[in-house]
C-alpha atoms as a PDB file:
ATOM      1  CA  UNK A   1       5.833   7.710  15.517  1.00  0.00           C
ATOM      2  CA  UNK A   2       4.695   6.530  18.960  1.00  0.00           C
ATOM      3  CA  UNK A   3       5.637   9.811  20.630  1.00  0.00           C
ATOM      4  CA  UNK A   4       4.123  11.928  17.859  1.00  0.00           C
ATOM      5  CA  UNK A   5       0.763  10.135  17.973  1.00  0.00           C
ATOM      6  CA  UNK A   6       0.603  10.073  21.771  1.00  0.00           C
ATOM      7  CA  UNK A   7       1.801  13.570  22.581  1.00  0.00           C
ATOM      8  CA  UNK A   8       0.321  15.829  19.897  1.00  0.00           C
ATOM      9  CA  UNK A   9      -3.089  16.521  18.432  1.00  0.00           C
ATOM     10  CA  UNK A  10      -2.481  15.605  14.816  1.00  0.00           C
ATOM     11  CA  UNK A  11      -3.701  17.628  11.869  1.00  0.00           C
ATOM     12  CA  UNK A  12      -4.960  16.155   8.605  1.00  0.00           C
ATOM     13  CA  UNK A  13      -1.627  16.289   6.767  1.00  0.00           C
ATOM     14  CA  UNK A  14       0.171  14.758   9.751  1.00  0.00           C
ATOM     15  CA  UNK A  15      -2.284  11.868   9.642  1.00  0.00           C
ATOM     16  CA  UNK A  16      -1.984  11.583   5.858  1.00  0.00           C
ATOM     17  CA  UNK A  17       1.833  11.409   5.946  1.00  0.00           C
ATOM     18  CA  UNK A  18       1.848   8.944   8.862  1.00  0.00           C
ATOM     19  CA  UNK A  19      -0.544   6.773   6.861  1.00  0.00           C
ATOM     20  CA  UNK A  20       2.054   6.589   4.085  1.00  0.00           C
ATOM     21  CA  UNK A  21       4.756   5.746   6.634  1.00  0.00           C
ATOM     22  CA  UNK A  22       2.725   2.790   7.877  1.00  0.00           C
ATOM     23  CA  UNK A  23       2.167   1.613   4.303  1.00  0.00           C
ATOM     24  CA  UNK A  24       5.859   1.795   3.360  1.00  0.00           C
ATOM     25  CA  UNK A  25       7.028   0.281   6.657  1.00  0.00           C
ATOM     26  CA  UNK A  26       4.723  -2.751   6.325  1.00  0.00           C
ATOM     27  CA  UNK A  27       4.335  -2.830   2.545  1.00  0.00           C
ATOM     28  CA  UNK A  28       4.970  -6.582   2.223  1.00  0.00           C
ATOM     29  CA  UNK A  29       2.547  -7.633   4.964  1.00  0.00           C
ATOM     30  CA  UNK A  30      -0.166  -5.232   3.780  1.00  0.00           C
ATOM     31  CA  UNK A  31       0.270  -6.446   0.179  1.00  0.00           C
ATOM     32  CA  UNK A  32      -0.161 -10.075   1.228  1.00  0.00           C
ATOM     33  CA  UNK A  33      -3.337  -9.277   3.142  1.00  0.00           C
ATOM     34  CA  UNK A  34      -4.590  -7.180   0.217  1.00  0.00           C
ATOM     35  CA  UNK A  35      -4.186 -10.177  -2.099  1.00  0.00           C
ATOM     36  CA  UNK A  36      -6.446 -12.138   0.213  1.00  0.00           C
ATOM     37  CA  UNK A  37      -9.120  -9.469  -0.288  1.00  0.00           C
ATOM     38  CA  UNK A  38      -8.537  -8.990  -4.016  1.00  0.00           C
ATOM     39  CA  UNK A  39      -8.716 -12.644  -5.171  1.00  0.00           C
ATOM     40  CA  UNK A  40     -12.474 -13.095  -4.547  1.00  0.00           C
ATOM     41  CA  UNK A  41     -13.142  -9.793  -6.338  1.00  0.00           C
ATOM     42  CA  UNK A  42     -11.085 -10.979  -9.300  1.00  0.00           C
ATOM     43  CA  UNK A  43     -13.107 -14.189  -9.462  1.00  0.00           C
ATOM     44  CA  UNK A  44     -16.348 -12.205  -9.362  1.00  0.00           C
ATOM     45  CA  UNK A  45     -15.194  -9.991 -12.240  1.00  0.00           C
ATOM     46  CA  UNK A  46     -14.131 -13.066 -14.215  1.00  0.00           C
ATOM     47  CA  UNK A  47     -17.535 -14.638 -13.633  1.00  0.00           C
ATOM     48  CA  UNK A  48     -19.276 -11.502 -14.872  1.00  0.00           C
ATOM     49  CA  UNK A  49     -16.998 -11.134 -17.877  1.00  0.00           C
ATOM     50  CA  UNK A  50     -18.589 -12.038 -21.182  1.00  0.00           C
ATOM     51  CA  UNK A  51     -15.132 -12.723 -22.616  1.00  0.00           C
ATOM     52  CA  UNK A  52     -14.443 -15.648 -20.304  1.00  0.00           C
ATOM     53  CA  UNK A  53     -17.871 -17.268 -20.066  1.00  0.00           C
ATOM     54  CA  UNK A  54     -20.731 -17.840 -22.447  1.00  0.00           C
ATOM     55  CA  UNK A  55     -24.051 -16.149 -21.778  1.00  0.00           C
ATOM     56  CA  UNK A  56     -25.722 -19.499 -20.977  1.00  0.00           C
ATOM     57  CA  UNK A  57     -23.124 -20.363 -18.341  1.00  0.00           C
ATOM     58  CA  UNK A  58     -23.194 -16.902 -16.807  1.00  0.00           C
ATOM     59  CA  UNK A  59     -26.984 -17.030 -16.347  1.00  0.00           C
ATOM     60  CA  UNK A  60     -27.156 -20.650 -15.136  1.00  0.00           C
ATOM     61  CA  UNK A  61     -28.235 -21.516 -11.582  1.00  0.00           C
ATOM     62  CA  UNK A  62     -24.754 -22.851 -10.813  1.00  0.00           C
ATOM     63  CA  UNK A  63     -23.146 -19.614 -11.936  1.00  0.00           C
ATOM     64  CA  UNK A  64     -25.579 -17.505  -9.906  1.00  0.00           C
ATOM     65  CA  UNK A  65     -24.947 -19.632  -6.810  1.00  0.00           C
ATOM     66  CA  UNK A  66     -21.206 -19.355  -7.337  1.00  0.00           C
ATOM     67  CA  UNK A  67     -21.535 -15.599  -7.699  1.00  0.00           C
ATOM     68  CA  UNK A  68     -23.415 -15.355  -4.380  1.00  0.00           C
ATOM     69  CA  UNK A  69     -20.777 -17.474  -2.637  1.00  0.00           C
ATOM     70  CA  UNK A  70     -18.005 -15.293  -4.055  1.00  0.00           C
ATOM     71  CA  UNK A  71     -19.903 -12.179  -2.992  1.00  0.00           C
ATOM     72  CA  UNK A  72     -20.039 -13.438   0.605  1.00  0.00           C
ATOM     73  CA  UNK A  73     -16.380 -14.394   0.401  1.00  0.00           C
ATOM     74  CA  UNK A  74     -15.545 -10.904  -0.864  1.00  0.00           C
ATOM     75  CA  UNK A  75     -17.422  -9.313   2.046  1.00  0.00           C
ATOM     76  CA  UNK A  76     -15.594 -11.592   4.504  1.00  0.00           C
ATOM     77  CA  UNK A  77     -12.159 -10.987   2.976  1.00  0.00           C
ATOM     78  CA  UNK A  78     -12.685  -7.205   2.808  1.00  0.00           C
ATOM     79  CA  UNK A  79     -13.669  -7.131   6.466  1.00  0.00           C
ATOM     80  CA  UNK A  80     -10.655  -9.273   7.380  1.00  0.00           C
ATOM     81  CA  UNK A  81      -8.403  -6.925   5.425  1.00  0.00           C
ATOM     82  CA  UNK A  82      -9.777  -3.861   7.218  1.00  0.00           C
ATOM     83  CA  UNK A  83      -9.427  -5.487  10.646  1.00  0.00           C
ATOM     84  CA  UNK A  84      -5.895  -6.748   9.936  1.00  0.00           C
ATOM     85  CA  UNK A  85      -4.909  -3.285   8.753  1.00  0.00           C
ATOM     86  CA  UNK A  86      -6.126  -1.866  12.073  1.00  0.00           C
ATOM     87  CA  UNK A  87      -3.918  -4.323  13.989  1.00  0.00           C
ATOM     88  CA  UNK A  88      -0.857  -3.659  11.825  1.00  0.00           C
ATOM     89  CA  UNK A  89      -1.246   0.124  12.080  1.00  0.00           C
ATOM     90  CA  UNK A  90      -1.471   0.010  15.877  1.00  0.00           C
ATOM     91  CA  UNK A  91       1.674  -2.145  16.111  1.00  0.00           C
ATOM     92  CA  UNK A  92       3.612   0.188  13.812  1.00  0.00           C
ATOM     93  CA  UNK A  93       2.574   3.221  15.867  1.00  0.00           C
ATOM     94  CA  UNK A  94       3.676   1.453  19.056  1.00  0.00           C
ATOM     95  CA  UNK A  95       7.001   0.472  17.473  1.00  0.00           C
ATOM     96  CA  UNK A  96       6.223  -3.238  17.619  1.00  0.00           C
ATOM     97  CA  UNK A  97       6.452  -5.828  14.869  1.00  0.00           C
ATOM     98  CA  UNK A  98       3.713  -8.140  13.666  1.00  0.00           C
ATOM     99  CA  UNK A  99       3.454 -10.419  10.635  1.00  0.00           C
ATOM    100  CA  UNK A 100       0.518 -10.444   8.247  1.00  0.00           C
ATOM    101  CA  UNK A 101      -0.453 -13.971   9.386  1.00  0.00           C
ATOM    102  CA  UNK A 102      -0.553 -12.991  13.074  1.00  0.00           C
ATOM    103  CA  UNK A 103      -2.535  -9.874  12.237  1.00  0.00           C
ATOM    104  CA  UNK A 104      -5.101 -11.913  10.301  1.00  0.00           C
ATOM    105  CA  UNK A 105      -5.277 -14.554  13.036  1.00  0.00           C
ATOM    106  CA  UNK A 106      -6.030 -11.878  15.621  1.00  0.00           C
ATOM    107  CA  UNK A 107      -8.547 -10.226  13.288  1.00  0.00           C
ATOM    108  CA  UNK A 108     -10.306 -13.560  12.831  1.00  0.00           C
ATOM    109  CA  UNK A 109     -10.713 -13.888  16.603  1.00  0.00           C
ATOM    110  CA  UNK A 110     -12.579 -10.548  16.581  1.00  0.00           C
ATOM    111  CA  UNK A 111     -14.732 -11.276  13.528  1.00  0.00           C
ATOM    112  CA  UNK A 112     -17.870 -12.250  15.471  1.00  0.00           C
ATOM    113  CA  UNK A 113     -17.758  -9.148  17.662  1.00  0.00           C
ATOM    114  CA  UNK A 114     -17.122  -6.872  14.682  1.00  0.00           C
ATOM    115  CA  UNK A 115     -20.000  -8.443  12.751  1.00  0.00           C
ATOM    116  CA  UNK A 116     -22.556  -8.111  15.564  1.00  0.00           C
ATOM    117  CA  UNK A 117     -21.438  -4.574  16.407  1.00  0.00           C
ATOM    118  CA  UNK A 118     -21.620  -3.581  12.732  1.00  0.00           C
ATOM    119  CA  UNK A 119     -25.144  -4.959  12.417  1.00  0.00           C
ATOM    120  CA  UNK A 120     -26.227  -3.049  15.534  1.00  0.00           C
ATOM    121  CA  UNK A 121     -24.559   0.135  14.276  1.00  0.00           C
ATOM    122  CA  UNK A 122     -26.171  -0.036  10.835  1.00  0.00           C
ATOM    123  CA  UNK A 123     -29.610  -0.728  12.324  1.00  0.00           C
ATOM    124  CA  UNK A 124     -29.278   2.383  14.506  1.00  0.00           C
ATOM    125  CA  UNK A 125     -28.003   4.520  11.613  1.00  0.00           C
ATOM    126  CA  UNK A 126     -30.717   3.301   9.250  1.00  0.00           C
ATOM    127  CA  UNK A 127     -33.351   4.043  11.894  1.00  0.00           C
ATOM    128  CA  UNK A 128     -31.973   7.546  12.453  1.00  0.00           C
ATOM    129  CA  UNK A 129     -31.691   8.197   8.711  1.00  0.00           C
ATOM    130  CA  UNK A 130     -35.303   7.119   8.127  1.00  0.00           C
ATOM    131  CA  UNK A 131     -36.477   9.578  10.775  1.00  0.00           C
ATOM    132  CA  UNK A 132     -34.176  12.452   9.825  1.00  0.00           C
ATOM    133  CA  UNK A 133     -31.154  12.520   7.517  1.00  0.00           C
ATOM    134  CA  UNK A 134     -29.029  14.859   9.659  1.00  0.00           C
ATOM    135  CA  UNK A 135     -29.010  12.681  12.834  1.00  0.00           C
ATOM    136  CA  UNK A 136     -27.972   9.738  10.657  1.00  0.00           C
ATOM    137  CA  UNK A 137     -24.994  11.713   9.340  1.00  0.00           C
ATOM    138  CA  UNK A 138     -24.066  12.966  12.813  1.00  0.00           C
ATOM    139  CA  UNK A 139     -24.119   9.516  14.377  1.00  0.00           C
ATOM    140  CA  UNK A 140     -22.304   7.908  11.449  1.00  0.00           C
ATOM    141  CA  UNK A 141     -19.355  10.131  12.403  1.00  0.00           C
ATOM    142  CA  UNK A 142     -19.854   9.399  16.117  1.00  0.00           C
ATOM    143  CA  UNK A 143     -19.653   5.662  15.371  1.00  0.00           C
ATOM    144  CA  UNK A 144     -16.762   5.963  12.912  1.00  0.00           C
ATOM    145  CA  UNK A 145     -14.288   4.435  15.402  1.00  0.00           C
ATOM    146  CA  UNK A 146     -16.532   1.496  16.359  1.00  0.00           C
ATOM    147  CA  UNK A 147     -14.630  -1.151  14.375  1.00  0.00           C
ATOM    148  CA  UNK A 148     -11.311   0.063  15.806  1.00  0.00           C
ATOM    149  CA  UNK A 149     -12.743  -0.075  19.330  1.00  0.00           C
ATOM    150  CA  UNK A 150     -13.880  -3.680  18.870  1.00  0.00           C
ATOM    151  CA  UNK A 151     -10.537  -4.798  17.452  1.00  0.00           C
ATOM    152  CA  UNK A 152      -8.204  -2.892  19.772  1.00  0.00           C
ATOM    153  CA  UNK A 153     -10.180  -2.225  22.958  1.00  0.00           C
ATOM    154  CA  UNK A 154     -11.956  -5.574  23.527  1.00  0.00           C
ATOM    155  CA  UNK A 155     -15.376  -3.936  23.567  1.00  0.00           C
ATOM    156  CA  UNK A 156     -18.402  -4.827  21.476  1.00  0.00           C
ATOM    157  CA  UNK A 157     -22.024  -3.930  20.894  1.00  0.00           C
ATOM    158  CA  UNK A 158     -23.379  -0.788  22.513  1.00  0.00           C
ATOM    159  CA  UNK A 159     -20.252  -0.524  24.680  1.00  0.00           C
ATOM    160  CA  UNK A 160     -18.083  -0.149  21.571  1.00  0.00           C
ATOM    161  CA  UNK A 161     -20.484   2.350  19.993  1.00  0.00           C
ATOM    162  CA  UNK A 162     -20.597   4.388  23.209  1.00  0.00           C
ATOM    163  CA  UNK A 163     -16.801   4.436  23.443  1.00  0.00           C
ATOM    164  CA  UNK A 164     -16.504   5.578  19.823  1.00  0.00           C
ATOM    165  CA  UNK A 165     -19.043   8.343  20.480  1.00  0.00           C
ATOM    166  CA  UNK A 166     -17.095   9.398  23.570  1.00  0.00           C
ATOM    167  CA  UNK A 167     -13.882   9.790  21.542  1.00  0.00           C
ATOM    168  CA  UNK A 168     -15.603  11.805  18.821  1.00  0.00           C
ATOM    169  CA  UNK A 169     -17.384  14.167  21.232  1.00  0.00           C
ATOM    170  CA  UNK A 170     -15.676  17.539  21.204  1.00  0.00           C
ATOM    171  CA  UNK A 171     -13.944  16.855  17.891  1.00  0.00           C
ATOM    172  CA  UNK A 172     -16.828  15.891  15.598  1.00  0.00           C
ATOM    173  CA  UNK A 173     -15.774  18.410  12.956  1.00  0.00           C
ATOM    174  CA  UNK A 174     -12.168  17.186  13.099  1.00  0.00           C
ATOM    175  CA  UNK A 175     -13.225  13.592  12.407  1.00  0.00           C
ATOM    176  CA  UNK A 176     -15.715  14.672   9.737  1.00  0.00           C
ATOM    177  CA  UNK A 177     -13.125  16.894   8.028  1.00  0.00           C
ATOM    178  CA  UNK A 178     -10.583  14.049   8.030  1.00  0.00           C
ATOM    179  CA  UNK A 179     -13.097  11.685   6.414  1.00  0.00           C
ATOM    180  CA  UNK A 180     -13.994  14.400   3.902  1.00  0.00           C
ATOM    181  CA  UNK A 181     -10.313  15.083   3.199  1.00  0.00           C
ATOM    182  CA  UNK A 182      -9.483  11.465   2.455  1.00  0.00           C
ATOM    183  CA  UNK A 183     -12.608  11.153   0.330  1.00  0.00           C
ATOM    184  CA  UNK A 184     -11.663  14.254  -1.675  1.00  0.00           C
ATOM    185  CA  UNK A 185      -8.092  13.043  -2.239  1.00  0.00           C
ATOM    186  CA  UNK A 186      -9.253   9.606  -3.401  1.00  0.00           C
ATOM    187  CA  UNK A 187     -11.824  11.190  -5.726  1.00  0.00           C
ATOM    188  CA  UNK A 188      -9.258  13.568  -7.259  1.00  0.00           C
ATOM    189  CA  UNK A 189      -6.681  10.794  -7.669  1.00  0.00           C
ATOM    190  CA  UNK A 190      -9.295   8.576  -9.324  1.00  0.00           C
ATOM    191  CA  UNK A 191     -10.363  11.364 -11.703  1.00  0.00           C
ATOM    192  CA  UNK A 192      -6.764  12.136 -12.700  1.00  0.00           C
ATOM    193  CA  UNK A 193      -5.929   8.476 -13.255  1.00  0.00           C
ATOM    194  CA  UNK A 194      -8.999   8.057 -15.482  1.00  0.00           C
ATOM    195  CA  UNK A 195      -7.437  10.541 -17.881  1.00  0.00           C
ATOM    196  CA  UNK A 196      -4.598   8.059 -18.533  1.00  0.00           C
ATOM    197  CA  UNK A 197      -6.652   4.869 -18.831  1.00  0.00           C
ATOM    198  CA  UNK A 198      -6.135   4.476 -22.575  1.00  0.00           C
ATOM    199  CA  UNK A 199      -4.047   1.295 -22.336  1.00  0.00           C
ATOM    200  CA  UNK A 200      -4.134  -1.879 -20.198  1.00  0.00           C
ATOM    201  CA  UNK A 201      -0.820  -0.925 -18.600  1.00  0.00           C
ATOM    202  CA  UNK A 202      -2.187   2.397 -17.352  1.00  0.00           C
ATOM    203  CA  UNK A 203      -5.396   0.712 -16.192  1.00  0.00           C
ATOM    204  CA  UNK A 204      -3.388  -1.668 -13.988  1.00  0.00           C
ATOM    205  CA  UNK A 205      -1.200   1.192 -12.782  1.00  0.00           C
ATOM    206  CA  UNK A 206      -4.287   3.259 -11.973  1.00  0.00           C
ATOM    207  CA  UNK A 207      -5.801   0.387  -9.958  1.00  0.00           C
ATOM    208  CA  UNK A 208      -2.585   0.009  -7.946  1.00  0.00           C
ATOM    209  CA  UNK A 209      -2.268   3.734  -7.244  1.00  0.00           C
ATOM    210  CA  UNK A 210      -5.938   3.991  -6.255  1.00  0.00           C
ATOM    211  CA  UNK A 211      -5.510   0.995  -3.940  1.00  0.00           C
ATOM    212  CA  UNK A 212      -2.492   2.638  -2.286  1.00  0.00           C
ATOM    213  CA  UNK A 213      -4.420   5.829  -1.561  1.00  0.00           C
ATOM    214  CA  UNK A 214      -7.360   3.798  -0.242  1.00  0.00           C
ATOM    215  CA  UNK A 215      -5.040   1.903   2.121  1.00  0.00           C
ATOM    216  CA  UNK A 216      -3.455   5.169   3.289  1.00  0.00           C
ATOM    217  CA  UNK A 217      -6.942   6.537   4.001  1.00  0.00           C
ATOM    218  CA  UNK A 218      -7.698   3.452   6.101  1.00  0.00           C
ATOM    219  CA  UNK A 219      -4.420   3.572   8.036  1.00  0.00           C
ATOM    220  CA  UNK A 220      -4.892   7.321   8.476  1.00  0.00           C
ATOM    221  CA  UNK A 221      -8.265   6.839  10.152  1.00  0.00           C
ATOM    222  CA  UNK A 222      -6.717   4.258  12.508  1.00  0.00           C
ATOM    223  CA  UNK A 223      -4.002   6.799  13.379  1.00  0.00           C
ATOM    224  CA  UNK A 224      -6.706   9.407  14.044  1.00  0.00           C
ATOM    225  CA  UNK A 225      -8.432   6.909  16.362  1.00  0.00           C
ATOM    226  CA  UNK A 226      -5.215   6.111  18.231  1.00  0.00           C
ATOM    227  CA  UNK A 227      -4.373   9.807  18.549  1.00  0.00           C
ATOM    228  CA  UNK A 228      -7.879  10.582  19.831  1.00  0.00           C
ATOM    229  CA  UNK A 229      -7.768   7.673  22.273  1.00  0.00           C
ATOM    230  CA  UNK A 230      -4.350   8.622  23.675  1.00  0.00           C
ATOM    231  CA  UNK A 231      -5.457  12.230  24.204  1.00  0.00           C
ATOM    232  CA  UNK A 232      -8.729  11.077  25.796  1.00  0.00           C
ATOM    233  CA  UNK A 233      -6.904   8.724  28.174  1.00  0.00           C
ATOM    234  CA  UNK A 234      -4.533  11.534  29.141  1.00  0.00           C
ATOM    235  CA  UNK A 235      -7.448  13.868  29.894  1.00  0.00           C
ATOM    236  CA  UNK A 236      -9.156  11.106  31.845  1.00  0.00           C
ATOM    237  CA  UNK A 237      -6.017  10.443  33.914  1.00  0.00           C
ATOM    238  CA  UNK A 238      -5.652  14.148  34.721  1.00  0.00           C
ATOM    239  CA  UNK A 239      -9.307  14.318  35.725  1.00  0.00           C
ATOM    240  CA  UNK A 240      -8.906  11.310  38.026  1.00  0.00           C
ATOM    241  CA  UNK A 241      -5.767  12.811  39.569  1.00  0.00           C
ATOM    242  CA  UNK A 242      -7.584  16.109  40.172  1.00  0.00           C
ATOM    243  CA  UNK A 243     -10.487  14.282  41.786  1.00  0.00           C
ATOM    244  CA  UNK A 244      -8.111  12.334  44.046  1.00  0.00           C
ATOM    245  CA  UNK A 245      -6.275  15.536  45.000  1.00  0.00           C
ATOM    246  CA  UNK A 246      -9.596  17.255  45.761  1.00  0.00           C
ATOM    247  CA  UNK A 247     -10.770  14.354  47.915  1.00  0.00           C
ATOM    248  CA  UNK A 248      -7.427  14.264  49.736  1.00  0.00           C
ATOM    249  CA  UNK A 249      -7.680  18.019  50.358  1.00  0.00           C
ATOM    250  CA  UNK A 250     -11.209  17.669  51.726  1.00  0.00           C
ATOM    251  CA  UNK A 251     -10.145  14.727  53.934  1.00  0.00           C
ATOM    252  CA  UNK A 252      -7.196  16.755  55.237  1.00  0.00           C
ATOM    253  CA  UNK A 253      -9.461  19.694  56.102  1.00  0.00           C
ATOM    254  CA  UNK A 254     -11.859  17.330  57.871  1.00  0.00           C
ATOM    255  CA  UNK A 255      -9.078  15.880  60.011  1.00  0.00           C
ATOM    256  CA  UNK A 256      -7.790  19.314  60.988  1.00  0.00           C
ATOM    257  CA  UNK A 257     -11.182  20.937  61.282  1.00  0.00           C
END
């Protein structure tokens, strides 16, 4: 996988299939991290369920406070899941091993940088969207790799956003089409699964299948980032080599001229 991602410009179906390979290769670790993200959501749904709680308890101040705490916990756990998935995907692509606990520990160390960069990104996108819708859409694609940059490249803030924009430049439509492709697949899968949601068993099965496709979409976008970064670094190295060769040629002419 390392050679494929580093040496070739991947198409959508290449990315999609590699996303499944990452999922199957690290299924246990990804499942354990997913549970960490799912538990708070399950508690929120239980709190909102009229079957498990009376109306008085559900509308009490304690219940509302608990709901807000769980909502924050869900946001935190979802972000940790996304960041850990980025780390795991990179290690799989590089042919290295990493456990779910190490991935989450590393993700936790990057949480502050991811949070501040995300806030900055959303403020910029909201500002652009309020002025004109199209610039907001354009820059949302430009900044699509920002979280990956923070986690894997030790950059944050405007530096991370600028690096993401640099990777997307020249392949905006490729990144946009990949996002659109994963969105279309997830929508179609969800619509098909809804046709078989007549029993609790199929509901649970549908949730699992939808979750798998969502994870593959996430790993696929990380693979697209890694592929784009490898190709960018290769172009940058060639450009530097050409500049050095040009300077050496000019210096040689100066010495002999």
